């Protein structure tokens, strides 16, 4: 099935804000992308050529193929110039979180719970109570309230907490205002395109 490039600006923005962790699960590859200041799909527009893209993925041919295919489905062409209007909107949203650590935190908040948590039963239970993204969980739940979610319980809450801790996150953590605002904007745009 072919996917046409998404043109309306609000849909384009939600595609550009897709976390790179949605594009690849290779942790070493994610670290490499972060080192190159690539946190969201829109950052791939900044690459000048296909060769630069391939250089980023050197040693990870399967990850390169998968990310290239997903970007293509989303209408993002490597080396293509982003429209001035779209670039301005995208940059304005990210300008709220100038530090690298802030962008990584925003990326984590925007990661779907089904991609973040390894236990499908826990991910499904969270989905059932409309916890679609990690940010929903951090903002709306405490350890005690998480245990009460059907299908989670004390054991599940402990496992979920451990996975969050491994990424430097915690339930009911204090999220800087500018990052929280950027996350809320992300939700307003309807999140990411499903790939």
N, C-alpha and C. Protein backbone atom coordinates (compact mmCIF):
# COMPACT_ATOMS: atom_id res chain seq x y z
N UNK A 1 0.85 -1.20 0.00
CA UNK A 1 0.00 0.00 0.00
C UNK A 1 0.88 1.24 0.00
N UNK A 2 0.62 2.14 -0.92
CA UNK A 2 1.40 3.36 -1.01
C UNK A 2 0.83 4.45 -0.12
N UNK A 3 1.74 5.25 0.42
CA UNK A 3 1.33 6.36 1.28
C UNK A 3 1.74 7.65 0.62
N UNK A 4 0.78 8.54 0.39
CA UNK A 4 1.12 9.84 -0.18
C UNK A 4 1.72 10.74 0.89
N UNK A 5 2.63 11.63 0.50
CA UNK A 5 3.17 12.59 1.48
C UNK A 5 2.03 13.38 2.12
N UNK A 6 2.12 13.61 3.42
CA UNK A 6 1.06 14.33 4.13
C UNK A 6 1.28 15.83 3.97
N UNK A 7 0.31 16.52 3.45
CA UNK A 7 0.47 17.94 3.12
C UNK A 7 -0.08 18.93 4.14
N UNK A 8 -1.31 18.73 4.67
CA UNK A 8 -1.83 19.73 5.61
C UNK A 8 -0.84 19.95 6.75
N UNK A 9 -0.62 21.22 7.09
CA UNK A 9 0.46 21.52 8.03
C UNK A 9 0.28 20.89 9.40
N UNK A 10 -0.96 20.78 9.89
CA UNK A 10 -1.13 20.20 11.23
C UNK A 10 -0.81 18.71 11.22
N UNK A 11 -1.10 18.03 10.12
CA UNK A 11 -0.74 16.62 10.01
C UNK A 11 0.76 16.47 9.83
N UNK A 12 1.34 17.39 9.06
CA UNK A 12 2.79 17.35 8.84
C UNK A 12 3.54 17.54 10.14
N UNK A 13 3.05 18.44 10.98
CA UNK A 13 3.71 18.69 12.26
C UNK A 13 3.67 17.44 13.14
N UNK A 14 2.55 16.76 13.19
CA UNK A 14 2.46 15.58 14.05
C UNK A 14 3.39 14.48 13.55
N UNK A 15 3.60 14.41 12.24
CA UNK A 15 4.53 13.43 11.69
C UNK A 15 5.96 13.81 12.07
N UNK A 16 6.29 15.09 11.95
CA UNK A 16 7.64 15.56 12.25
C UNK A 16 7.99 15.35 13.72
N UNK A 17 6.99 15.37 14.59
CA UNK A 17 7.23 15.21 16.03
C UNK A 17 7.29 13.74 16.47
N UNK A 18 7.22 12.81 15.54
CA UNK A 18 7.34 11.40 15.89
C UNK A 18 8.72 11.14 16.51
N UNK A 19 8.79 10.55 17.70
CA UNK A 19 10.09 10.29 18.34
C UNK A 19 10.92 9.29 17.53
N UNK A 20 12.23 9.45 17.52
CA UNK A 20 13.07 8.47 16.79
C UNK A 20 12.96 7.10 17.45
N UNK A 21 12.58 7.06 18.72
CA UNK A 21 12.41 5.77 19.39
C UNK A 21 11.20 5.01 18.82
N UNK A 22 10.35 5.70 18.07
CA UNK A 22 9.24 5.04 17.38
C UNK A 22 9.74 4.45 16.05
N UNK A 23 10.86 4.97 15.56
CA UNK A 23 11.40 4.54 14.27
C UNK A 23 12.37 3.37 14.40
N UNK A 24 13.09 3.30 15.51
CA UNK A 24 14.03 2.20 15.73
C UNK A 24 14.13 1.90 17.22
N UNK A 25 14.27 0.62 17.54
CA UNK A 25 14.40 0.21 18.94
C UNK A 25 15.84 -0.15 19.30
N UNK A 26 16.74 -0.02 18.32
CA UNK A 26 18.16 -0.30 18.58
C UNK A 26 18.69 0.79 19.51
N UNK A 27 18.93 0.44 20.78
CA UNK A 27 19.35 1.46 21.75
C UNK A 27 20.66 2.14 21.35
N UNK A 28 21.60 1.38 20.79
CA UNK A 28 22.87 1.97 20.36
C UNK A 28 22.64 2.94 19.20
N UNK A 29 21.68 2.59 18.34
CA UNK A 29 21.36 3.46 17.21
C UNK A 29 20.67 4.74 17.68
N UNK A 30 19.80 4.62 18.66
CA UNK A 30 19.14 5.79 19.23
C UNK A 30 20.17 6.73 19.84
N UNK A 31 21.13 6.17 20.55
CA UNK A 31 22.20 6.99 21.14
C UNK A 31 22.99 7.72 20.06
N UNK A 32 23.24 7.04 18.97
CA UNK A 32 23.99 7.67 17.86
C UNK A 32 23.18 8.81 17.25
N UNK A 33 21.88 8.61 17.10
CA UNK A 33 21.02 9.67 16.56
C UNK A 33 20.99 10.87 17.50
N UNK A 34 20.88 10.59 18.79
CA UNK A 34 20.88 11.67 19.78
C UNK A 34 22.19 12.46 19.72
N UNK A 35 23.29 11.75 19.54
CA UNK A 35 24.59 12.42 19.46
C UNK A 35 24.66 13.34 18.24
N UNK A 36 23.86 13.01 17.21
CA UNK A 36 23.80 13.84 16.00
C UNK A 36 22.66 14.86 16.06
N UNK A 37 22.11 15.05 17.27
CA UNK A 37 20.99 15.99 17.48
C UNK A 37 19.75 15.63 16.67
N UNK A 38 19.47 14.34 16.57
CA UNK A 38 18.26 13.87 15.91
C UNK A 38 17.39 13.18 16.96
N UNK A 39 16.29 13.82 17.30
CA UNK A 39 15.40 13.32 18.35
C UNK A 39 14.01 12.97 17.81
N UNK A 40 13.63 13.66 16.72
CA UNK A 40 12.30 13.48 16.13
C UNK A 40 12.44 13.29 14.62
N UNK A 41 11.42 12.73 14.02
CA UNK A 41 11.47 12.44 12.58
C UNK A 41 11.80 13.70 11.76
N UNK A 42 11.31 14.84 12.21
CA UNK A 42 11.54 16.08 11.47
C UNK A 42 13.01 16.46 11.35
N UNK A 43 13.82 15.98 12.28
CA UNK A 43 15.24 16.30 12.22
C UNK A 43 15.95 15.65 11.03
N UNK A 44 15.34 14.62 10.45
CA UNK A 44 15.95 13.99 9.28
C UNK A 44 15.93 14.92 8.06
N UNK A 45 15.07 15.93 8.10
CA UNK A 45 15.05 16.92 7.03
C UNK A 45 16.36 17.72 6.99
N UNK A 46 17.03 17.79 8.14
CA UNK A 46 18.26 18.58 8.22
C UNK A 46 19.44 17.89 7.53
N UNK A 47 19.30 16.60 7.27
CA UNK A 47 20.38 15.88 6.59
C UNK A 47 20.46 16.33 5.13
N UNK A 48 21.69 16.48 4.64
CA UNK A 48 21.88 17.05 3.30
C UNK A 48 21.77 16.02 2.18
N UNK A 49 21.98 14.74 2.50
CA UNK A 49 21.99 13.76 1.43
C UNK A 49 21.70 12.35 1.94
N UNK A 50 21.44 11.44 0.98
CA UNK A 50 21.24 10.04 1.31
C UNK A 50 22.52 9.45 1.92
N UNK A 51 23.68 9.92 1.43
CA UNK A 51 24.96 9.43 1.93
C UNK A 51 25.14 9.77 3.40
N UNK A 52 24.71 10.97 3.79
CA UNK A 52 24.82 11.38 5.19
C UNK A 52 23.91 10.51 6.06
N UNK A 53 22.75 10.18 5.53
CA UNK A 53 21.82 9.30 6.24
C UNK A 53 22.45 7.93 6.44
N UNK A 54 23.01 7.36 5.38
CA UNK A 54 23.64 6.04 5.47
C UNK A 54 24.83 6.04 6.41
N UNK A 55 25.55 7.15 6.44
CA UNK A 55 26.71 7.26 7.34
C UNK A 55 26.27 7.19 8.79
N UNK A 56 25.13 7.78 9.10
CA UNK A 56 24.58 7.73 10.45
C UNK A 56 24.32 6.29 10.89
N UNK A 57 23.88 5.47 9.95
CA UNK A 57 23.47 4.11 10.27
C UNK A 57 24.56 3.07 9.97
N UNK A 58 25.79 3.52 9.77
CA UNK A 58 26.89 2.60 9.46
C UNK A 58 26.97 1.50 10.53
N UNK A 59 26.96 0.26 10.07
CA UNK A 59 27.01 -0.87 11.01
C UNK A 59 25.64 -1.38 11.43
N UNK A 60 24.59 -0.65 11.03
CA UNK A 60 23.22 -1.06 11.39
C UNK A 60 22.34 -1.06 10.13
N UNK A 61 22.66 -1.93 9.17
CA UNK A 61 21.92 -1.93 7.89
C UNK A 61 20.42 -2.21 8.04
N UNK A 62 20.06 -3.10 8.96
CA UNK A 62 18.63 -3.41 9.13
C UNK A 62 17.89 -2.21 9.70
N UNK A 63 18.52 -1.52 10.67
CA UNK A 63 17.90 -0.32 11.24
C UNK A 63 17.77 0.76 10.17
N UNK A 64 18.79 0.90 9.33
CA UNK A 64 18.74 1.91 8.26
C UNK A 64 17.59 1.62 7.31
N UNK A 65 17.45 0.37 6.92
CA UNK A 65 16.38 0.00 6.00
C UNK A 65 15.01 0.26 6.60
N UNK A 66 14.85 -0.10 7.88
CA UNK A 66 13.56 0.07 8.55
C UNK A 66 13.21 1.55 8.71
N UNK A 67 14.17 2.35 9.16
CA UNK A 67 13.91 3.79 9.36
C UNK A 67 13.66 4.48 8.02
N UNK A 68 14.44 4.12 7.01
CA UNK A 68 14.24 4.72 5.68
C UNK A 68 12.83 4.42 5.17
N UNK A 69 12.38 3.19 5.35
CA UNK A 69 11.06 2.79 4.89
C UNK A 69 9.97 3.54 5.65
N UNK A 70 10.12 3.64 6.98
CA UNK A 70 9.11 4.32 7.78
C UNK A 70 9.05 5.81 7.46
N UNK A 71 10.20 6.42 7.26
CA UNK A 71 10.21 7.84 6.89
C UNK A 71 9.53 8.03 5.54
N UNK A 72 9.75 7.10 4.64
CA UNK A 72 9.12 7.17 3.32
C UNK A 72 7.60 7.08 3.44
N UNK A 73 7.11 6.16 4.29
CA UNK A 73 5.68 6.04 4.52
C UNK A 73 5.09 7.34 5.07
N UNK A 74 5.92 8.05 5.86
CA UNK A 74 5.45 9.28 6.50
C UNK A 74 5.56 10.50 5.58
N UNK A 75 6.09 10.28 4.37
CA UNK A 75 6.20 11.39 3.43
C UNK A 75 7.44 12.24 3.62
N UNK A 76 8.43 11.73 4.39
CA UNK A 76 9.67 12.48 4.62
C UNK A 76 10.73 11.95 3.68
N UNK A 77 11.29 12.85 2.87
CA UNK A 77 12.34 12.49 1.91
C UNK A 77 13.66 13.06 2.38
N UNK A 78 14.65 12.21 2.53
CA UNK A 78 15.97 12.66 2.98
C UNK A 78 16.53 13.66 1.98
N UNK A 79 17.02 14.79 2.49
CA UNK A 79 17.61 15.80 1.62
C UNK A 79 16.60 16.76 1.01
N UNK A 80 15.32 16.51 1.25
CA UNK A 80 14.27 17.40 0.73
C UNK A 80 14.20 18.63 1.62
N UNK A 81 13.97 19.77 1.03
CA UNK A 81 13.91 21.02 1.80
C UNK A 81 12.52 21.19 2.40
N UNK A 82 12.48 21.39 3.70
CA UNK A 82 11.21 21.62 4.38
C UNK A 82 10.69 23.02 4.04
N UNK A 83 9.40 23.17 3.90
CA UNK A 83 8.86 24.49 3.59
C UNK A 83 9.16 25.45 4.74
N UNK A 84 9.33 26.73 4.42
CA UNK A 84 9.66 27.72 5.45
C UNK A 84 8.61 27.77 6.55
N UNK A 85 7.34 27.66 6.15
CA UNK A 85 6.25 27.71 7.13
C UNK A 85 6.32 26.52 8.09
N UNK A 86 6.55 25.34 7.52
CA UNK A 86 6.62 24.13 8.33
C UNK A 86 7.86 24.14 9.22
N UNK A 87 8.98 24.56 8.66
CA UNK A 87 10.23 24.63 9.43
C UNK A 87 10.09 25.59 10.61
N UNK A 88 9.45 26.74 10.37
CA UNK A 88 9.27 27.73 11.42
C UNK A 88 8.41 27.17 12.55
N UNK A 89 7.34 26.45 12.19
CA UNK A 89 6.44 25.88 13.19
C UNK A 89 7.16 24.78 14.00
N UNK A 90 7.86 23.93 13.30
CA UNK A 90 8.60 22.83 13.93
C UNK A 90 9.67 23.38 14.88
N UNK A 91 10.44 24.35 14.40
CA UNK A 91 11.52 24.93 15.22
C UNK A 91 10.97 25.69 16.42
N UNK A 92 9.81 26.33 16.24
CA UNK A 92 9.22 27.08 17.34
C UNK A 92 8.79 26.15 18.48
N UNK A 93 8.27 25.00 18.11
CA UNK A 93 7.86 24.02 19.13
C UNK A 93 9.07 23.49 19.88
N UNK A 94 10.14 23.18 19.15
CA UNK A 94 11.33 22.62 19.79
C UNK A 94 12.16 23.67 20.51
N UNK A 95 11.97 24.94 20.17
CA UNK A 95 12.72 26.01 20.83
C UNK A 95 12.36 26.10 22.31
N UNK A 96 11.22 25.52 22.67
CA UNK A 96 10.81 25.54 24.08
C UNK A 96 11.71 24.65 24.93
N UNK A 97 12.35 23.69 24.28
CA UNK A 97 13.23 22.76 25.02
C UNK A 97 14.62 22.76 24.36
N UNK A 98 15.37 23.82 24.58
CA UNK A 98 16.66 23.98 23.87
C UNK A 98 17.73 22.96 24.23
N UNK A 99 17.75 22.49 25.48
CA UNK A 99 18.81 21.57 25.90
C UNK A 99 18.58 20.16 25.36
N UNK A 100 19.68 19.47 25.10
CA UNK A 100 19.61 18.09 24.60
C UNK A 100 18.83 17.21 25.57
N UNK A 101 19.08 17.36 26.87
CA UNK A 101 18.39 16.54 27.87
C UNK A 101 16.88 16.77 27.81
N UNK A 102 16.49 18.03 27.56
CA UNK A 102 15.08 18.34 27.45
C UNK A 102 14.43 17.67 26.25
N UNK A 103 15.16 17.63 25.13
CA UNK A 103 14.62 16.99 23.92
C UNK A 103 14.49 15.48 24.13
N UNK A 104 15.45 14.89 24.83
CA UNK A 104 15.36 13.46 25.12
C UNK A 104 14.17 13.18 26.03
N UNK A 105 13.96 14.04 27.01
CA UNK A 105 12.82 13.86 27.91
C UNK A 105 11.51 14.01 27.14
N UNK A 106 11.42 15.01 26.27
CA UNK A 106 10.21 15.20 25.47
C UNK A 106 9.97 14.00 24.57
N UNK A 107 11.04 13.48 24.00
CA UNK A 107 10.93 12.30 23.15
C UNK A 107 10.38 11.11 23.93
N UNK A 108 10.88 10.94 25.15
CA UNK A 108 10.40 9.84 26.01
C UNK A 108 8.93 10.03 26.37
N UNK A 109 8.53 11.26 26.69
CA UNK A 109 7.13 11.54 27.02
C UNK A 109 6.23 11.18 25.85
N UNK A 110 6.70 11.43 24.64
CA UNK A 110 5.90 11.21 23.44
C UNK A 110 5.95 9.78 22.92
N UNK A 111 6.73 8.92 23.58
CA UNK A 111 6.83 7.53 23.13
C UNK A 111 5.57 6.77 23.53
N UNK A 112 4.95 6.05 22.60
CA UNK A 112 3.75 5.27 22.92
C UNK A 112 4.05 4.22 23.99
N UNK A 113 3.14 4.03 24.91
CA UNK A 113 3.36 3.04 25.97
C UNK A 113 3.54 1.63 25.39
N UNK A 114 2.90 1.35 24.26
CA UNK A 114 3.04 0.02 23.66
C UNK A 114 4.44 -0.22 23.13
N UNK A 115 5.17 0.86 22.85
CA UNK A 115 6.55 0.72 22.38
C UNK A 115 7.54 0.78 23.54
N UNK A 116 7.15 1.42 24.62
CA UNK A 116 8.06 1.63 25.75
C UNK A 116 8.15 0.42 26.67
N UNK A 117 7.00 -0.17 26.99
CA UNK A 117 6.97 -1.26 27.95
C UNK A 117 7.04 -2.62 27.27
N UNK A 118 7.93 -3.46 27.78
CA UNK A 118 8.19 -4.75 27.14
C UNK A 118 7.07 -5.77 27.39
N UNK A 119 6.34 -5.63 28.49
CA UNK A 119 5.27 -6.56 28.80
C UNK A 119 3.98 -6.12 28.10
N UNK A 120 3.54 -6.91 27.13
CA UNK A 120 2.37 -6.53 26.35
C UNK A 120 1.10 -6.46 27.19
N UNK A 121 1.03 -7.28 28.24
CA UNK A 121 -0.14 -7.26 29.13
C UNK A 121 -0.23 -5.92 29.85
N UNK A 122 0.91 -5.43 30.35
CA UNK A 122 0.91 -4.14 31.02
C UNK A 122 0.59 -3.01 30.04
N UNK A 123 1.19 -3.09 28.85
CA UNK A 123 0.95 -2.06 27.84
C UNK A 123 -0.52 -2.02 27.46
N UNK A 124 -1.13 -3.20 27.32
CA UNK A 124 -2.54 -3.29 26.97
C UNK A 124 -3.42 -2.72 28.09
N UNK A 125 -3.07 -3.01 29.35
CA UNK A 125 -3.83 -2.50 30.49
C UNK A 125 -3.77 -0.97 30.53
N UNK A 126 -2.60 -0.41 30.23
CA UNK A 126 -2.46 1.04 30.21
C UNK A 126 -3.29 1.64 29.08
N UNK A 127 -3.25 0.98 27.93
CA UNK A 127 -4.02 1.45 26.77
C UNK A 127 -5.51 1.48 27.09
N UNK A 128 -5.97 0.49 27.85
CA UNK A 128 -7.39 0.40 28.21
C UNK A 128 -7.86 1.58 29.05
N UNK A 129 -6.94 2.18 29.82
CA UNK A 129 -7.32 3.34 30.64
C UNK A 129 -6.84 4.64 29.98
N UNK A 130 -6.65 4.56 28.65
CA UNK A 130 -6.30 5.73 27.82
C UNK A 130 -4.96 6.36 28.20
N UNK A 131 -4.01 5.51 28.58
CA UNK A 131 -2.63 5.97 28.78
C UNK A 131 -1.89 5.58 27.51
N UNK A 132 -1.92 6.49 26.53
CA UNK A 132 -1.36 6.18 25.21
C UNK A 132 0.15 6.42 25.15
N UNK A 133 0.58 7.42 25.91
CA UNK A 133 1.99 7.82 25.85
C UNK A 133 2.59 7.81 27.25
N UNK A 134 3.91 7.71 27.30
CA UNK A 134 4.60 7.69 28.58
C UNK A 134 4.28 8.95 29.39
N UNK A 135 4.13 10.07 28.70
CA UNK A 135 3.81 11.32 29.38
C UNK A 135 2.50 11.26 30.14
N UNK A 136 1.50 10.57 29.58
CA UNK A 136 0.21 10.41 30.26
C UNK A 136 0.41 9.70 31.60
N UNK A 137 1.27 8.70 31.58
CA UNK A 137 1.53 7.91 32.78
C UNK A 137 2.22 8.74 33.85
N UNK A 138 3.27 9.47 33.44
CA UNK A 138 4.04 10.26 34.41
C UNK A 138 3.23 11.39 35.02
N UNK A 139 2.39 12.00 34.22
CA UNK A 139 1.63 13.16 34.68
C UNK A 139 0.42 12.76 35.53
N UNK A 140 -0.22 11.65 35.17
CA UNK A 140 -1.51 11.33 35.78
C UNK A 140 -1.51 10.22 36.84
N UNK A 141 -0.35 9.56 37.03
CA UNK A 141 -0.35 8.43 37.96
C UNK A 141 0.72 8.52 39.03
N UNK A 142 0.40 7.93 40.18
CA UNK A 142 1.36 7.74 41.27
C UNK A 142 1.54 6.23 41.41
N UNK A 143 2.55 5.76 42.15
CA UNK A 143 2.70 4.31 42.35
C UNK A 143 1.43 3.65 42.91
N UNK A 144 0.77 4.35 43.83
CA UNK A 144 -0.44 3.79 44.45
C UNK A 144 -1.59 3.68 43.45
N UNK A 145 -1.81 4.72 42.66
CA UNK A 145 -2.92 4.70 41.70
C UNK A 145 -2.66 3.73 40.55
N UNK A 146 -1.39 3.54 40.21
CA UNK A 146 -1.06 2.60 39.13
C UNK A 146 -1.40 1.17 39.52
N UNK A 147 -1.18 0.82 40.79
CA UNK A 147 -1.48 -0.53 41.28
C UNK A 147 -2.96 -0.87 41.14
N UNK A 148 -3.81 0.16 41.16
CA UNK A 148 -5.26 -0.07 41.11
C UNK A 148 -5.77 -0.31 39.69
N UNK A 149 -4.90 -0.09 38.70
CA UNK A 149 -5.33 -0.31 37.31
C UNK A 149 -5.50 -1.80 37.07
N UNK A 150 -6.64 -2.17 36.52
CA UNK A 150 -6.92 -3.58 36.25
C UNK A 150 -5.89 -4.16 35.29
N UNK A 151 -5.30 -5.28 35.70
CA UNK A 151 -4.29 -5.91 34.86
C UNK A 151 -2.86 -5.50 35.21
N UNK A 152 -2.73 -4.55 36.16
CA UNK A 152 -1.39 -4.10 36.57
C UNK A 152 -1.05 -4.68 37.94
N UNK A 153 -1.75 -4.25 38.98
CA UNK A 153 -1.49 -4.77 40.33
C UNK A 153 -0.13 -4.33 40.86
N UNK A 154 0.21 -4.84 42.03
CA UNK A 154 1.46 -4.45 42.69
C UNK A 154 2.68 -4.90 41.89
N UNK A 155 2.63 -6.15 41.39
CA UNK A 155 3.75 -6.68 40.62
C UNK A 155 3.99 -5.91 39.33
N UNK A 156 2.90 -5.60 38.64
CA UNK A 156 2.99 -4.85 37.39
C UNK A 156 3.50 -3.44 37.62
N UNK A 157 3.01 -2.82 38.68
CA UNK A 157 3.43 -1.45 39.01
C UNK A 157 4.93 -1.42 39.30
N UNK A 158 5.41 -2.45 39.99
CA UNK A 158 6.85 -2.53 40.30
C UNK A 158 7.67 -2.69 39.01
N UNK A 159 7.18 -3.52 38.10
CA UNK A 159 7.89 -3.75 36.84
C UNK A 159 7.90 -2.48 35.98
N UNK A 160 6.76 -1.79 35.94
CA UNK A 160 6.65 -0.55 35.16
C UNK A 160 7.56 0.51 35.76
N UNK A 161 7.55 0.62 37.08
CA UNK A 161 8.40 1.60 37.77
C UNK A 161 9.88 1.33 37.47
N UNK A 162 10.25 0.06 37.44
CA UNK A 162 11.65 -0.30 37.16
C UNK A 162 12.05 0.12 35.76
N UNK A 163 11.16 -0.07 34.79
CA UNK A 163 11.47 0.33 33.41
C UNK A 163 11.58 1.84 33.28
N UNK A 164 10.72 2.55 33.99
CA UNK A 164 10.78 4.01 33.97
C UNK A 164 12.10 4.49 34.60
N UNK A 165 12.44 3.88 35.74
CA UNK A 165 13.66 4.26 36.45
C UNK A 165 14.89 4.06 35.58
N UNK A 166 14.89 2.98 34.79
CA UNK A 166 16.03 2.68 33.91
C UNK A 166 16.25 3.78 32.88
N UNK A 167 15.20 4.53 32.57
CA UNK A 167 15.29 5.63 31.61
C UNK A 167 15.37 6.99 32.30
N UNK A 168 15.52 6.97 33.63
CA UNK A 168 15.63 8.22 34.38
C UNK A 168 14.30 8.90 34.62
N UNK A 169 13.21 8.13 34.56
CA UNK A 169 11.86 8.66 34.75
C UNK A 169 11.25 8.11 36.03
N UNK A 170 10.21 8.77 36.51
CA UNK A 170 9.49 8.27 37.68
C UNK A 170 8.06 8.79 37.65
N UNK A 171 7.16 8.04 38.27
CA UNK A 171 5.77 8.46 38.32
C UNK A 171 5.64 9.74 39.13
N UNK A 172 4.75 10.61 38.69
CA UNK A 172 4.49 11.89 39.36
C UNK A 172 5.75 12.76 39.45
N UNK A 173 6.70 12.55 38.52
CA UNK A 173 7.92 13.35 38.53
C UNK A 173 7.61 14.79 38.12
N UNK A 174 8.43 15.70 38.55
CA UNK A 174 8.24 17.10 38.21
C UNK A 174 8.82 17.35 36.81
N UNK A 175 7.96 17.65 35.88
CA UNK A 175 8.38 17.89 34.50
C UNK A 175 8.49 19.40 34.29
N UNK A 176 9.63 19.88 33.81
CA UNK A 176 9.78 21.33 33.57
C UNK A 176 8.63 21.88 32.74
N UNK A 177 8.20 23.08 33.08
CA UNK A 177 7.02 23.68 32.46
C UNK A 177 7.11 23.74 30.93
N UNK A 178 8.29 24.13 30.41
CA UNK A 178 8.41 24.28 28.96
C UNK A 178 8.28 22.93 28.24
N UNK A 179 8.76 21.87 28.90
CA UNK A 179 8.65 20.54 28.29
C UNK A 179 7.22 20.04 28.37
N UNK A 180 6.58 20.32 29.49
CA UNK A 180 5.17 19.92 29.64
C UNK A 180 4.30 20.63 28.60
N UNK A 181 4.56 21.91 28.37
CA UNK A 181 3.80 22.67 27.36
C UNK A 181 4.04 22.10 25.96
N UNK A 182 5.30 21.73 25.68
CA UNK A 182 5.61 21.15 24.37
C UNK A 182 4.91 19.81 24.20
N UNK A 183 4.84 19.04 25.28
CA UNK A 183 4.15 17.74 25.24
C UNK A 183 2.65 17.95 25.00
N UNK A 184 2.07 18.92 25.67
CA UNK A 184 0.64 19.19 25.49
C UNK A 184 0.35 19.65 24.06
N UNK A 185 1.30 20.40 23.47
CA UNK A 185 1.14 20.81 22.07
C UNK A 185 1.18 19.59 21.16
N UNK A 186 2.07 18.68 21.47
CA UNK A 186 2.18 17.42 20.73
C UNK A 186 0.84 16.69 20.75
N UNK A 187 0.19 16.64 21.91
CA UNK A 187 -1.10 15.96 22.02
C UNK A 187 -2.18 16.70 21.22
N UNK A 188 -2.10 18.02 21.21
CA UNK A 188 -3.08 18.82 20.46
C UNK A 188 -3.00 18.53 18.96
N UNK A 189 -1.79 18.26 18.48
CA UNK A 189 -1.63 17.98 17.06
C UNK A 189 -2.03 16.56 16.70
N UNK A 190 -2.49 15.80 17.68
CA UNK A 190 -2.96 14.46 17.39
C UNK A 190 -1.85 13.43 17.38
N UNK A 191 -0.75 13.76 18.05
CA UNK A 191 0.38 12.84 18.17
C UNK A 191 1.01 12.49 16.83
N UNK A 192 1.40 11.26 16.62
CA UNK A 192 2.13 10.87 15.43
C UNK A 192 1.25 10.05 14.50
N UNK A 193 1.72 9.92 13.26
CA UNK A 193 1.00 9.05 12.33
C UNK A 193 1.33 7.60 12.68
N UNK A 194 0.35 6.72 12.60
CA UNK A 194 0.58 5.32 12.95
C UNK A 194 1.32 4.62 11.83
N UNK A 195 2.50 4.09 12.16
CA UNK A 195 3.28 3.39 11.14
C UNK A 195 3.50 1.95 11.57
